[in-house]
Amino acid sequence: IHFRTNALVLTALLLIDLIVGQAPAQENSVTSQSGKPPDIQVVQTNEVTVITLAGVGPQDKNGHLVGPGDFAAQFKQTWDNAQRLLLSAGALVRNIATITVYTTDAKWQETFTALLHERVSDWNPVTSFAVAPQLRTPGALLEIQAVALIEKRNPIRR
């Protein structure tokens, strides 16, 4: 299952690279906070807008850890932060094509999946999990990286 998930993620990222690499860019906008999570990058082309989030974790608006030791509270804050960042770039969480979840312990995979399905029961992005001994925010139990796509469709003419 992990191989299949990783293969799907790799395929999606290669397709994104092809689309972004071949389409003439209308605008290239990069926004990041040097050394501080989270980072966001928005690339717009004629065909698609690609939004990449990295280092999204359980920090409040002042950068302080939320819910030390409480995975559910940290998931909620992390998800709210991802949603806020996506909205700032003109996307919804439903635009997420792939999520990589970094956790401090593999035991959190099942809990993450259950909490994600509570939030969005009719949508299932490709998700991969990686265990890291320490994340960007000290004390964090999870951190996510996500790629969201907004396809620009031509209107149907009748």
Protein backbone atom coordinates (compact mmCIF):
# COMPACT_ATOMS: atom_id res chain seq x y z
CA ILE A 1 0.00 0.00 0.00
CA HIS A 2 2.82 2.43 0.87
CA PHE A 3 4.53 1.72 -2.47
CA ARG A 4 1.27 2.36 -4.33
CA THR A 5 0.66 5.61 -2.42
CA ASN A 6 4.22 6.79 -3.04
CA ALA A 7 3.94 5.89 -6.74
CA LEU A 8 0.70 7.89 -7.01
CA VAL A 9 2.30 10.87 -5.28
CA LEU A 10 5.32 10.68 -7.58
CA THR A 11 3.05 10.47 -10.63
CA ALA A 12 1.04 13.50 -9.47
CA LEU A 13 4.17 15.53 -8.83
CA LEU A 14 5.60 14.60 -12.24
CA LEU A 15 2.37 15.69 -13.91
CA ILE A 16 2.50 18.98 -12.02
CA ASP A 17 6.09 19.46 -13.14
CA LEU A 18 5.13 18.79 -16.76
CA ILE A 19 2.18 21.18 -16.64
CA VAL A 20 4.12 23.95 -14.92
CA GLY A 21 7.21 23.39 -17.04
CA GLN A 22 5.39 23.47 -20.39
CA ALA A 23 2.84 26.21 -19.83
CA PRO A 24 3.96 29.81 -20.12
CA ALA A 25 3.76 31.39 -16.69
CA GLN A 26 1.35 34.26 -16.24
CA GLU A 27 2.63 35.05 -12.78
CA ASN A 28 5.18 33.58 -10.46
CA SER A 29 4.55 34.43 -6.83
CA VAL A 30 6.51 33.06 -3.91
CA THR A 31 5.65 33.84 -0.32
CA SER A 32 7.61 32.36 2.55
CA GLN A 33 8.76 33.16 6.02
CA SER A 34 12.49 32.61 6.21
CA GLY A 35 13.25 29.90 8.74
CA LYS A 36 9.76 29.98 10.25
CA PRO A 37 6.97 27.58 9.39
CA PRO A 38 4.79 27.51 7.43
CA ASP A 39 5.95 28.21 3.91
CA ILE A 40 3.64 28.66 0.93
CA GLN A 41 4.43 28.87 -2.76
CA VAL A 42 1.93 29.74 -5.49
CA VAL A 43 2.71 29.19 -9.15
CA GLN A 44 0.15 30.23 -11.74
CA THR A 45 0.15 29.15 -15.37
CA ASN A 46 -2.42 29.37 -18.13
CA GLU A 47 -3.76 25.93 -17.21
CA VAL A 48 -3.38 25.48 -13.47
CA THR A 49 -2.47 27.15 -10.21
CA VAL A 50 -0.20 24.99 -8.04
CA ILE A 51 -0.11 25.78 -4.33
CA THR A 52 2.56 24.10 -2.22
CA LEU A 53 2.43 24.23 1.57
CA ALA A 54 5.35 23.11 3.73
CA GLY A 55 5.97 23.09 7.46
CA VAL A 56 2.30 23.50 8.39
CA GLY A 57 2.04 22.48 12.00
CA PRO A 58 0.18 23.13 15.25
CA GLN A 59 1.24 26.73 15.90
CA ASP A 60 -1.13 29.49 16.93
CA LYS A 61 -1.02 32.91 15.22
CA ASN A 62 1.89 33.90 17.51
CA GLY A 63 3.94 30.83 16.57
CA HIS A 64 3.38 28.99 19.86
CA LEU A 65 2.73 25.25 20.01
CA VAL A 66 -0.93 24.30 20.52
CA GLY A 67 -1.90 21.19 22.50
CA PRO A 68 1.43 19.81 23.75
CA GLY A 69 1.12 16.00 23.77
CA ASP A 70 -2.45 16.10 22.39
CA PHE A 71 -2.49 14.75 18.83
CA ALA A 72 -6.16 15.60 18.18
CA ALA A 73 -5.68 19.25 19.26
CA GLN A 74 -2.53 19.50 17.17
CA PHE A 75 -4.30 17.98 14.15
CA LYS A 76 -7.12 20.55 14.48
CA GLN A 77 -4.70 23.48 14.65
CA THR A 78 -2.58 22.12 11.80
CA TRP A 79 -5.64 21.58 9.60
CA ASP A 80 -7.00 25.04 10.43
CA ASN A 81 -3.61 26.56 9.53
CA ALA A 82 -3.53 24.68 6.20
CA GLN A 83 -7.08 25.78 5.43
CA ARG A 84 -6.23 29.43 6.21
CA LEU A 85 -3.13 29.33 3.99
CA LEU A 86 -5.04 27.74 1.12
CA LEU A 87 -7.82 30.32 1.39
CA SER A 88 -5.23 33.10 1.25
CA ALA A 89 -4.10 31.62 -2.10
CA GLY A 90 -7.65 31.22 -3.44
CA ALA A 91 -7.99 27.47 -2.80
CA LEU A 92 -9.99 25.13 -0.60
CA VAL A 93 -8.82 22.01 1.20
CA ARG A 94 -10.67 20.04 -1.49
CA ASN A 95 -8.06 21.32 -3.96
CA ILE A 96 -5.37 19.33 -2.15
CA ALA A 97 -4.10 16.53 -4.39
CA THR A 98 -1.49 15.11 -2.06
CA ILE A 99 -0.47 15.40 1.60
CA THR A 100 2.73 14.24 3.23
CA VAL A 101 2.34 13.92 6.98
CA TYR A 102 5.46 14.04 9.12
CA THR A 103 4.90 12.56 12.57
CA THR A 104 7.11 11.78 15.52
CA ASP A 105 5.65 8.25 15.80
CA ALA A 106 4.10 5.91 13.23
CA LYS A 107 1.25 5.19 15.68
CA TRP A 108 -0.32 8.54 14.70
CA GLN A 109 -1.08 7.43 11.12
CA GLU A 110 -4.36 5.76 12.02
CA THR A 111 -5.44 8.68 14.21
CA PHE A 112 -4.58 11.22 11.49
CA THR A 113 -6.59 9.29 8.92
CA ALA A 114 -9.62 9.05 11.24
CA LEU A 115 -9.47 12.76 12.11
CA LEU A 116 -9.09 13.70 8.42
CA HIS A 117 -12.16 11.63 7.49
CA GLU A 118 -14.16 13.34 10.25
CA ARG A 119 -13.38 16.68 8.58
CA VAL A 120 -13.80 15.61 4.95
CA SER A 121 -15.65 12.29 4.68
CA ASP A 122 -16.35 12.41 0.94
CA TRP A 123 -12.85 13.34 -0.25
CA ASN A 124 -9.63 11.38 0.03
CA PRO A 125 -6.34 12.97 -1.07
CA VAL A 126 -3.29 10.81 -1.68
CA THR A 127 -1.54 10.72 1.71
CA SER A 128 1.92 9.54 2.70
CA PHE A 129 3.40 9.31 6.19
CA ALA A 130 6.98 9.75 7.31
CA VAL A 131 8.40 9.45 10.81
CA ALA A 132 10.80 12.19 11.87
CA PRO A 133 12.46 12.34 15.28
CA GLN A 134 11.91 16.10 15.47
CA LEU A 135 9.76 18.53 13.52
CA ARG A 136 10.20 22.24 12.78
CA THR A 137 8.15 23.23 15.83
CA PRO A 138 9.61 21.77 19.04
CA GLY A 139 7.02 19.54 20.73
CA ALA A 140 4.88 19.13 17.60
CA LEU A 141 3.53 15.65 16.94
CA LEU A 142 2.75 16.33 13.28
CA GLU A 143 3.50 18.65 10.41
CA ILE A 144 2.15 18.52 6.88
CA GLN A 145 3.29 19.32 3.41
CA ALA A 146 0.57 19.55 0.77
CA VAL A 147 0.14 20.28 -2.92
CA ALA A 148 -3.14 21.78 -4.09
CA LEU A 149 -4.25 22.33 -7.67
CA ILE A 150 -6.74 24.76 -9.12
CA GLU A 151 -7.48 23.89 -12.73
CA LYS A 152 -8.45 26.76 -14.98
CA ARG A 153 -11.05 25.47 -17.39
CA ASN A 154 -12.21 27.12 -20.54
CA PRO A 155 -15.95 27.80 -20.50
CA ILE A 156 -18.05 25.55 -22.68
CA ARG A 157 -19.38 27.42 -25.68
CA ARG A 158 -22.72 26.48 -27.13
